[in-house]
PDB file of all heavy atoms in Angstrom:
ATOM      1  N   SER A   1      97.897 105.396 118.512  1.00  0.00           N
ATOM      2  CA  SER A   1      96.523 105.658 118.122  1.00  0.00           C
ATOM      3  C   SER A   1      95.891 104.428 117.496  1.00  0.00           C
ATOM      4  O   SER A   1      96.567 103.448 117.174  1.00  0.00           O
ATOM      5  CB  SER A   1      96.461 106.829 117.139  1.00  0.00           C
ATOM      6  OG  SER A   1      97.133 106.506 115.933  1.00  0.00           O
ATOM      7  N   TRP A   2      94.606 104.496 117.305  1.00  0.00           N
ATOM      8  CA  TRP A   2      93.851 103.362 116.779  1.00  0.00           C
ATOM      9  C   TRP A   2      94.386 102.847 115.450  1.00  0.00           C
ATOM     10  O   TRP A   2      94.373 101.637 115.194  1.00  0.00           O
ATOM     11  CB  TRP A   2      92.375 103.745 116.624  1.00  0.00           C
ATOM     12  CG  TRP A   2      92.143 104.775 115.549  1.00  0.00           C
ATOM     13  CD1 TRP A   2      92.298 106.127 115.640  1.00  0.00           C
ATOM     14  CD2 TRP A   2      91.705 104.509 114.216  1.00  0.00           C
ATOM     15  NE1 TRP A   2      91.988 106.723 114.441  1.00  0.00           N
ATOM     16  CE2 TRP A   2      91.622 105.748 113.548  1.00  0.00           C
ATOM     17  CE3 TRP A   2      91.369 103.348 113.515  1.00  0.00           C
ATOM     18  CZ2 TRP A   2      91.225 105.862 112.221  1.00  0.00           C
ATOM     19  CZ3 TRP A   2      90.969 103.455 112.192  1.00  0.00           C
ATOM     20  CH2 TRP A   2      90.901 104.699 111.561  1.00  0.00           C
ATOM     21  N   SER A   3      94.861 103.746 114.609  1.00  0.00           N
ATOM     22  CA  SER A   3      95.328 103.370 113.287  1.00  0.00           C
ATOM     23  C   SER A   3      96.832 103.107 113.237  1.00  0.00           C
ATOM     24  O   SER A   3      97.333 102.586 112.237  1.00  0.00           O
ATOM     25  CB  SER A   3      94.989 104.475 112.296  1.00  0.00           C
ATOM     26  OG  SER A   3      95.697 105.658 112.612  1.00  0.00           O
ATOM     27  N   GLY A   4      97.528 103.491 114.297  1.00  0.00           N
ATOM     28  CA  GLY A   4      98.968 103.397 114.294  1.00  0.00           C
ATOM     29  C   GLY A   4      99.651 104.628 113.730  1.00  0.00           C
ATOM     30  O   GLY A   4     100.878 104.681 113.667  1.00  0.00           O
ATOM     31  N   GLY A   5      98.872 105.623 113.345  1.00  0.00           N
ATOM     32  CA  GLY A   5      99.422 106.804 112.724  1.00  0.00           C
ATOM     33  C   GLY A   5     100.071 107.791 113.674  1.00  0.00           C
ATOM     34  O   GLY A   5     100.852 108.637 113.238  1.00  0.00           O
ATOM     35  N   SER A   6      99.762 107.692 114.953  1.00  0.00           N
ATOM     36  CA  SER A   6     100.333 108.590 115.948  1.00  0.00           C
ATOM     37  C   SER A   6     100.850 107.788 117.127  1.00  0.00           C
ATOM     38  O   SER A   6     100.241 106.793 117.520  1.00  0.00           O
ATOM     39  CB  SER A   6      99.289 109.589 116.441  1.00  0.00           C
ATOM     40  OG  SER A   6      98.827 110.410 115.382  1.00  0.00           O
ATOM     41  N   THR A   7     101.962 108.238 117.690  1.00  0.00           N
ATOM     42  CA  THR A   7     102.536 107.572 118.854  1.00  0.00           C
ATOM     43  C   THR A   7     102.957 108.594 119.884  1.00  0.00           C
ATOM     44  O   THR A   7     103.112 109.776 119.594  1.00  0.00           O
ATOM     45  CB  THR A   7     103.751 106.716 118.475  1.00  0.00           C
ATOM     46  OG1 THR A   7     104.736 107.541 117.846  1.00  0.00           O
ATOM     47  CG2 THR A   7     103.352 105.597 117.517  1.00  0.00           C
ATOM     48  N   ASN A   8     103.156 108.109 121.100  1.00  0.00           N
ATOM     49  CA  ASN A   8     103.600 108.966 122.184  1.00  0.00           C
ATOM     50  C   ASN A   8     104.480 108.137 123.110  1.00  0.00           C
ATOM     51  O   ASN A   8     104.156 106.983 123.383  1.00  0.00           O
ATOM     52  CB  ASN A   8     102.395 109.532 122.941  1.00  0.00           C
ATOM     53  CG  ASN A   8     102.749 110.723 123.795  1.00  0.00           C
ATOM     54  OD1 ASN A   8     103.199 110.576 124.923  1.00  0.00           O
ATOM     55  ND2 ASN A   8     102.546 111.911 123.247  1.00  0.00           N
ATOM     56  N   TYR A   9     105.573 108.722 123.590  1.00  0.00           N
ATOM     57  CA  TYR A   9     106.524 108.002 124.416  1.00  0.00           C
ATOM     58  C   TYR A   9     106.883 108.765 125.677  1.00  0.00           C
ATOM     59  O   TYR A   9     106.911 109.996 125.692  1.00  0.00           O
ATOM     60  CB  TYR A   9     107.819 107.751 123.649  1.00  0.00           C
ATOM     61  CG  TYR A   9     107.663 106.885 122.428  1.00  0.00           C
ATOM     62  CD1 TYR A   9     107.428 107.448 121.175  1.00  0.00           C
ATOM     63  CD2 TYR A   9     107.751 105.506 122.530  1.00  0.00           C
ATOM     64  CE1 TYR A   9     107.284 106.653 120.053  1.00  0.00           C
ATOM     65  CE2 TYR A   9     107.610 104.704 121.410  1.00  0.00           C
ATOM     66  CZ  TYR A   9     107.379 105.284 120.172  1.00  0.00           C
ATOM     67  OH  TYR A   9     107.236 104.487 119.065  1.00  0.00           O
ATOM     68  N   ALA A  10     107.185 108.017 126.709  1.00  0.00           N
ATOM     69  CA  ALA A  10     107.741 108.618 127.908  1.00  0.00           C
ATOM     70  C   ALA A  10     109.137 109.133 127.585  1.00  0.00           C
ATOM     71  O   ALA A  10     109.851 108.555 126.760  1.00  0.00           O
ATOM     72  CB  ALA A  10     107.807 107.590 129.035  1.00  0.00           C
ATOM     73  N   ASP A  11     109.534 110.206 128.249  1.00  0.00           N
ATOM     74  CA  ASP A  11     110.852 110.778 128.002  1.00  0.00           C
ATOM     75  C   ASP A  11     111.971 109.761 128.222  1.00  0.00           C
ATOM     76  O   ASP A  11     112.984 109.765 127.515  1.00  0.00           O
ATOM     77  CB  ASP A  11     111.089 111.980 128.915  1.00  0.00           C
ATOM     78  CG  ASP A  11     110.227 113.168 128.547  1.00  0.00           C
ATOM     79  OD1 ASP A  11     109.680 113.202 127.433  1.00  0.00           O
ATOM     80  OD2 ASP A  11     110.099 114.083 129.398  1.00  0.00           O
ATOM     81  N   SER A  12     111.783 108.881 129.173  1.00  0.00           N
ATOM     82  CA  SER A  12     112.821 107.931 129.524  1.00  0.00           C
ATOM     83  C   SER A  12     113.083 106.877 128.453  1.00  0.00           C
ATOM     84  O   SER A  12     114.131 106.227 128.473  1.00  0.00           O
ATOM     85  CB  SER A  12     112.469 107.232 130.844  1.00  0.00           C
ATOM     86  OG  SER A  12     111.242 106.538 130.733  1.00  0.00           O
ATOM     87  N   VAL A  13     112.144 106.707 127.531  1.00  0.00           N
ATOM     88  CA  VAL A  13     112.313 105.675 126.510  1.00  0.00           C
ATOM     89  C   VAL A  13     112.357 106.225 125.100  1.00  0.00           C
ATOM     90  O   VAL A  13     112.635 105.469 124.155  1.00  0.00           O
ATOM     91  CB  VAL A  13     111.212 104.594 126.601  1.00  0.00           C
ATOM     92  CG1 VAL A  13     111.136 104.037 128.020  1.00  0.00           C
ATOM     93  CG2 VAL A  13     109.859 105.150 126.168  1.00  0.00           C
ATOM     94  N   THR A  14     112.108 107.501 124.930  1.00  0.00           N
ATOM     95  CA  THR A  14     112.114 108.100 123.603  1.00  0.00           C
ATOM     96  C   THR A  14     113.461 107.872 122.918  1.00  0.00           C
ATOM     97  O   THR A  14     114.516 108.105 123.495  1.00  0.00           O
ATOM     98  CB  THR A  14     111.829 109.607 123.681  1.00  0.00           C
ATOM     99  OG1 THR A  14     110.505 109.810 124.183  1.00  0.00           O
ATOM    100  CG2 THR A  14     111.939 110.262 122.313  1.00  0.00           C
ATOM    101  N   GLY A  15     113.402 107.408 121.693  1.00  0.00           N
ATOM    102  CA  GLY A  15     114.615 107.130 120.942  1.00  0.00           C
ATOM    103  C   GLY A  15     115.126 105.719 121.115  1.00  0.00           C
ATOM    104  O   GLY A  15     115.975 105.279 120.333  1.00  0.00           O
ATOM    105  N   ARG A  16     114.632 105.021 122.112  1.00  0.00           N
ATOM    106  CA  ARG A  16     115.062 103.644 122.357  1.00  0.00           C
ATOM    107  C   ARG A  16     113.957 102.626 122.106  1.00  0.00           C
ATOM    108  O   ARG A  16     114.224 101.520 121.643  1.00  0.00           O
ATOM    109  CB  ARG A  16     115.564 103.485 123.792  1.00  0.00           C
ATOM    110  CG  ARG A  16     116.763 104.352 124.123  1.00  0.00           C
ATOM    111  CD  ARG A  16     117.336 103.991 125.492  1.00  0.00           C
ATOM    112  NE  ARG A  16     116.371 104.198 126.570  1.00  0.00           N
ATOM    113  CZ  ARG A  16     115.948 103.242 127.399  1.00  0.00           C
ATOM    114  NH1 ARG A  16     116.405 102.000 127.281  1.00  0.00           N
ATOM    115  NH2 ARG A  16     115.078 103.534 128.356  1.00  0.00           N
ATOM    116  N   PHE A  17     112.735 103.000 122.431  1.00  0.00           N
ATOM    117  CA  PHE A  17     111.600 102.093 122.282  1.00  0.00           C
ATOM    118  C   PHE A  17     110.737 102.513 121.103  1.00  0.00           C
ATOM    119  O   PHE A  17     110.614 103.702 120.794  1.00  0.00           O
ATOM    120  CB  PHE A  17     110.724 102.104 123.535  1.00  0.00           C
ATOM    121  CG  PHE A  17     111.344 101.478 124.753  1.00  0.00           C
ATOM    122  CD1 PHE A  17     112.688 101.147 124.803  1.00  0.00           C
ATOM    123  CD2 PHE A  17     110.555 101.217 125.867  1.00  0.00           C
ATOM    124  CE1 PHE A  17     113.255 100.576 125.932  1.00  0.00           C
ATOM    125  CE2 PHE A  17     111.102 100.651 127.007  1.00  0.00           C
ATOM    126  CZ  PHE A  17     112.450 100.326 127.039  1.00  0.00           C
ATOM    127  N   THR A  18     110.101 101.542 120.476  1.00  0.00           N
ATOM    128  CA  THR A  18     109.181 101.806 119.384  1.00  0.00           C
ATOM    129  C   THR A  18     107.908 100.991 119.572  1.00  0.00           C
ATOM    130  O   THR A  18     107.962  99.764 119.677  1.00  0.00           O
ATOM    131  CB  THR A  18     109.802 101.451 118.026  1.00  0.00           C
ATOM    132  OG1 THR A  18     111.009 102.187 117.835  1.00  0.00           O
ATOM    133  CG2 THR A  18     108.834 101.792 116.897  1.00  0.00           C
ATOM    134  N   ILE A  19     106.788 101.684 119.614  1.00  0.00           N
ATOM    135  CA  ILE A  19     105.506 101.004 119.713  1.00  0.00           C
ATOM    136  C   ILE A  19     104.909 100.882 118.315  1.00  0.00           C
ATOM    137  O   ILE A  19     105.027 101.796 117.497  1.00  0.00           O
ATOM    138  CB  ILE A  19     104.541 101.757 120.661  1.00  0.00           C
ATOM    139  CG1 ILE A  19     103.263 100.940 120.897  1.00  0.00           C
ATOM    140  CG2 ILE A  19     104.213 103.146 120.131  1.00  0.00           C
ATOM    141  CD1 ILE A  19     102.371 101.509 121.997  1.00  0.00           C
ATOM    142  N   SER A  20     104.301  99.759 118.043  1.00  0.00           N
ATOM    143  CA  SER A  20     103.673  99.547 116.747  1.00  0.00           C
ATOM    144  C   SER A  20     102.515  98.577 116.917  1.00  0.00           C
ATOM    145  O   SER A  20     102.357  97.958 117.970  1.00  0.00           O
ATOM    146  CB  SER A  20     104.684  99.018 115.721  1.00  0.00           C
ATOM    147  OG  SER A  20     105.203  97.759 116.119  1.00  0.00           O
ATOM    148  N   ARG A  21     101.726  98.445 115.887  1.00  0.00           N
ATOM    149  CA  ARG A  21     100.606  97.519 115.952  1.00  0.00           C
ATOM    150  C   ARG A  21     100.365  96.878 114.605  1.00  0.00           C
ATOM    151  O   ARG A  21     100.628  97.477 113.558  1.00  0.00           O
ATOM    152  CB  ARG A  21      99.343  98.232 116.447  1.00  0.00           C
ATOM    153  CG  ARG A  21      98.816  99.309 115.519  1.00  0.00           C
ATOM    154  CD  ARG A  21      97.792 100.186 116.222  1.00  0.00           C
ATOM    155  NE  ARG A  21      96.637  99.422 116.665  1.00  0.00           N
ATOM    156  CZ  ARG A  21      95.766  99.833 117.576  1.00  0.00           C
ATOM    157  NH1 ARG A  21      95.933 101.016 118.165  1.00  0.00           N
ATOM    158  NH2 ARG A  21      94.739  99.063 117.915  1.00  0.00           N
ATOM    159  N   ALA A  22      99.866  95.666 114.642  1.00  0.00           N
ATOM    160  CA  ALA A  22      99.477  94.934 113.452  1.00  0.00           C
ATOM    161  C   ALA A  22      97.990  94.644 113.614  1.00  0.00           C
ATOM    162  O   ALA A  22      97.601  93.642 114.209  1.00  0.00           O
ATOM    163  CB  ALA A  22     100.276  93.654 113.308  1.00  0.00           C
ATOM    164  N   ASN A  23      97.181  95.554 113.111  1.00  0.00           N
ATOM    165  CA  ASN A  23      95.743  95.438 113.332  1.00  0.00           C
ATOM    166  C   ASN A  23      95.140  94.171 112.749  1.00  0.00           C
ATOM    167  O   ASN A  23      94.192  93.617 113.307  1.00  0.00           O
ATOM    168  CB  ASN A  23      95.026  96.678 112.785  1.00  0.00           C
ATOM    169  CG  ASN A  23      95.173  97.875 113.694  1.00  0.00           C
ATOM    170  OD1 ASN A  23      95.645  97.755 114.829  1.00  0.00           O
ATOM    171  ND2 ASN A  23      94.781  99.044 113.210  1.00  0.00           N
ATOM    172  N   ALA A  24      95.676  93.723 111.638  1.00  0.00           N
ATOM    173  CA  ALA A  24      95.168  92.504 111.029  1.00  0.00           C
ATOM    174  C   ALA A  24      95.422  91.290 111.910  1.00  0.00           C
ATOM    175  O   ALA A  24      94.743  90.273 111.777  1.00  0.00           O
ATOM    176  CB  ALA A  24      95.786  92.299 109.654  1.00  0.00           C
ATOM    177  N   LYS A  25      96.394  91.395 112.809  1.00  0.00           N
ATOM    178  CA  LYS A  25      96.738  90.300 113.711  1.00  0.00           C
ATOM    179  C   LYS A  25      96.252  90.536 115.134  1.00  0.00           C
ATOM    180  O   LYS A  25      96.509  89.714 116.018  1.00  0.00           O
ATOM    181  CB  LYS A  25      98.251  90.097 113.748  1.00  0.00           C
ATOM    182  CG  LYS A  25      98.879  89.744 112.414  1.00  0.00           C
ATOM    183  CD  LYS A  25     100.382  89.597 112.570  1.00  0.00           C
ATOM    184  CE  LYS A  25     101.053  89.272 111.254  1.00  0.00           C
ATOM    185  NZ  LYS A  25     102.530  89.170 111.404  1.00  0.00           N
ATOM    186  N   ASN A  26      95.585  91.653 115.367  1.00  0.00           N
ATOM    187  CA  ASN A  26      95.143  92.025 116.718  1.00  0.00           C
ATOM    188  C   ASN A  26      96.302  91.989 117.705  1.00  0.00           C
ATOM    189  O   ASN A  26      96.173  91.492 118.830  1.00  0.00           O
ATOM    190  CB  ASN A  26      94.025  91.095 117.197  1.00  0.00           C
ATOM    191  CG  ASN A  26      92.690  91.418 116.575  1.00  0.00           C
ATOM    192  OD1 ASN A  26      92.580  92.224 115.655  1.00  0.00           O
ATOM    193  ND2 ASN A  26      91.637  90.782 117.076  1.00  0.00           N
ATOM    194  N   THR A  27      97.427  92.528 117.282  1.00  0.00           N
ATOM    195  CA  THR A  27      98.630  92.453 118.096  1.00  0.00           C
ATOM    196  C   THR A  27      99.313  93.804 118.214  1.00  0.00           C
ATOM    197  O   THR A  27      99.470  94.528 117.227  1.00  0.00           O
ATOM    198  CB  THR A  27      99.615  91.430 117.522  1.00  0.00           C
ATOM    199  OG1 THR A  27      98.978  90.146 117.448  1.00  0.00           O
ATOM    200  CG2 THR A  27     100.839  91.305 118.415  1.00  0.00           C
ATOM    201  N   LEU A  28      99.730  94.123 119.419  1.00  0.00           N
ATOM    202  CA  LEU A  28     100.483  95.322 119.732  1.00  0.00           C
ATOM    203  C   LEU A  28     101.916  94.914 120.049  1.00  0.00           C
ATOM    204  O   LEU A  28     102.139  93.867 120.656  1.00  0.00           O
ATOM    205  CB  LEU A  28      99.865  96.015 120.941  1.00  0.00           C
ATOM    206  CG  LEU A  28     100.566  97.263 121.474  1.00  0.00           C
ATOM    207  CD1 LEU A  28     100.329  98.440 120.538  1.00  0.00           C
ATOM    208  CD2 LEU A  28     100.067  97.588 122.883  1.00  0.00           C
ATOM    209  N   TYR A  29     102.869  95.755 119.677  1.00  0.00           N
ATOM    210  CA  TYR A  29     104.275  95.455 119.907  1.00  0.00           C
ATOM    211  C   TYR A  29     104.981  96.598 120.621  1.00  0.00           C
ATOM    212  O   TYR A  29     104.581  97.756 120.525  1.00  0.00           O
ATOM    213  CB  TYR A  29     105.012  95.213 118.592  1.00  0.00           C
ATOM    214  CG  TYR A  29     104.458  94.090 117.768  1.00  0.00           C
ATOM    215  CD1 TYR A  29     103.633  94.349 116.680  1.00  0.00           C
ATOM    216  CD2 TYR A  29     104.761  92.763 118.063  1.00  0.00           C
ATOM    217  CE1 TYR A  29     103.122  93.319 115.905  1.00  0.00           C
ATOM    218  CE2 TYR A  29     104.255  91.727 117.297  1.00  0.00           C
ATOM    219  CZ  TYR A  29     103.440  92.010 116.219  1.00  0.00           C
ATOM    220  OH  TYR A  29     102.942  90.981 115.459  1.00  0.00           O
ATOM    221  N   LEU A  30     106.052  96.248 121.299  1.00  0.00           N
ATOM    222  CA  LEU A  30     106.955  97.236 121.854  1.00  0.00           C
ATOM    223  C   LEU A  30     108.371  96.741 121.613  1.00  0.00           C
ATOM    224  O   LEU A  30     108.803  95.766 122.225  1.00  0.00           O
ATOM    225  CB  LEU A  30     106.724  97.450 123.351  1.00  0.00           C
ATOM    226  CG  LEU A  30     107.602  98.537 123.985  1.00  0.00           C
ATOM    227  CD1 LEU A  30     107.205  99.912 123.461  1.00  0.00           C
ATOM    228  CD2 LEU A  30     107.509  98.500 125.511  1.00  0.00           C
ATOM    229  N   ARG A  31     109.067  97.405 120.703  1.00  0.00           N
ATOM    230  CA  ARG A  31     110.451  97.072 120.447  1.00  0.00           C
ATOM    231  C   ARG A  31     111.326  97.917 121.361  1.00  0.00           C
ATOM    232  O   ARG A  31     111.227  99.142 121.347  1.00  0.00           O
ATOM    233  CB  ARG A  31     110.815  97.351 118.985  1.00  0.00           C
ATOM    234  CG  ARG A  31     112.262  97.046 118.628  1.00  0.00           C
ATOM    235  CD  ARG A  31     112.534  95.560 118.711  1.00  0.00           C
ATOM    236  NE  ARG A  31     113.934  95.250 118.452  1.00  0.00           N
ATOM    237  CZ  ARG A  31     114.433  94.033 118.382  1.00  0.00           C
ATOM    238  NH1 ARG A  31     113.632  92.981 118.541  1.00  0.00           N
ATOM    239  NH2 ARG A  31     115.718  93.856 118.155  1.00  0.00           N
ATOM    240  N   MET A  32     112.153  97.266 122.134  1.00  0.00           N
ATOM    241  CA  MET A  32     112.994  97.942 123.104  1.00  0.00           C
ATOM    242  C   MET A  32     114.452  97.737 122.727  1.00  0.00           C
ATOM    243  O   MET A  32     114.932  96.604 122.704  1.00  0.00           O
ATOM    244  CB  MET A  32     112.720  97.410 124.505  1.00  0.00           C
ATOM    245  CG  MET A  32     111.255  97.495 124.916  1.00  0.00           C
ATOM    246  SD  MET A  32     110.958  96.928 126.612  1.00  0.00           S
ATOM    247  CE  MET A  32     111.340  95.189 126.418  1.00  0.00           C
ATOM    248  N   ASN A  33     115.128  98.818 122.447  1.00  0.00           N
ATOM    249  CA  ASN A  33     116.550  98.788 122.119  1.00  0.00           C
ATOM    250  C   ASN A  33     117.343  99.506 123.193  1.00  0.00           C
ATOM    251  O   ASN A  33     116.804 100.273 123.981  1.00  0.00           O
ATOM    252  CB  ASN A  33     116.802  99.465 120.774  1.00  0.00           C
ATOM    253  CG  ASN A  33     116.184  98.738 119.613  1.00  0.00           C
ATOM    254  OD1 ASN A  33     116.102  97.517 119.595  1.00  0.00           O
ATOM    255  ND2 ASN A  33     115.750  99.495 118.605  1.00  0.00           N
ATOM    256  N   SER A  34     118.640  99.262 123.202  1.00  0.00           N
ATOM    257  CA  SER A  34     119.549  99.919 124.146  1.00  0.00           C
ATOM    258  C   SER A  34     119.021  99.838 125.564  1.00  0.00           C
ATOM    259  O   SER A  34     118.972 100.823 126.302  1.00  0.00           O
ATOM    260  CB  SER A  34     119.770 101.383 123.740  1.00  0.00           C
ATOM    261  OG  SER A  34     120.294 101.479 122.435  1.00  0.00           O
ATOM    262  N   LEU A  35     118.632  98.661 125.958  1.00  0.00           N
ATOM    263  CA  LEU A  35     118.021  98.473 127.270  1.00  0.00           C
ATOM    264  C   LEU A  35     118.993  98.784 128.407  1.00  0.00           C
ATOM    265  O   LEU A  35     120.188  98.523 128.311  1.00  0.00           O
ATOM    266  CB  LEU A  35     117.493  97.055 127.398  1.00  0.00           C
ATOM    267  CG  LEU A  35     116.177  96.809 126.659  1.00  0.00           C
ATOM    268  CD1 LEU A  35     115.941  95.316 126.471  1.00  0.00           C
ATOM    269  CD2 LEU A  35     115.021  97.449 127.424  1.00  0.00           C
TER     270      LEU A  35
END
């Protein structure tokens, strides 16, 4: 979501990937674990 307060994941990546954002940096991230 716009504020980072809500997220949604595909079933295939739930528990492995994490989406986050740094609004002050205008940057979106995707941390991928257990690839």
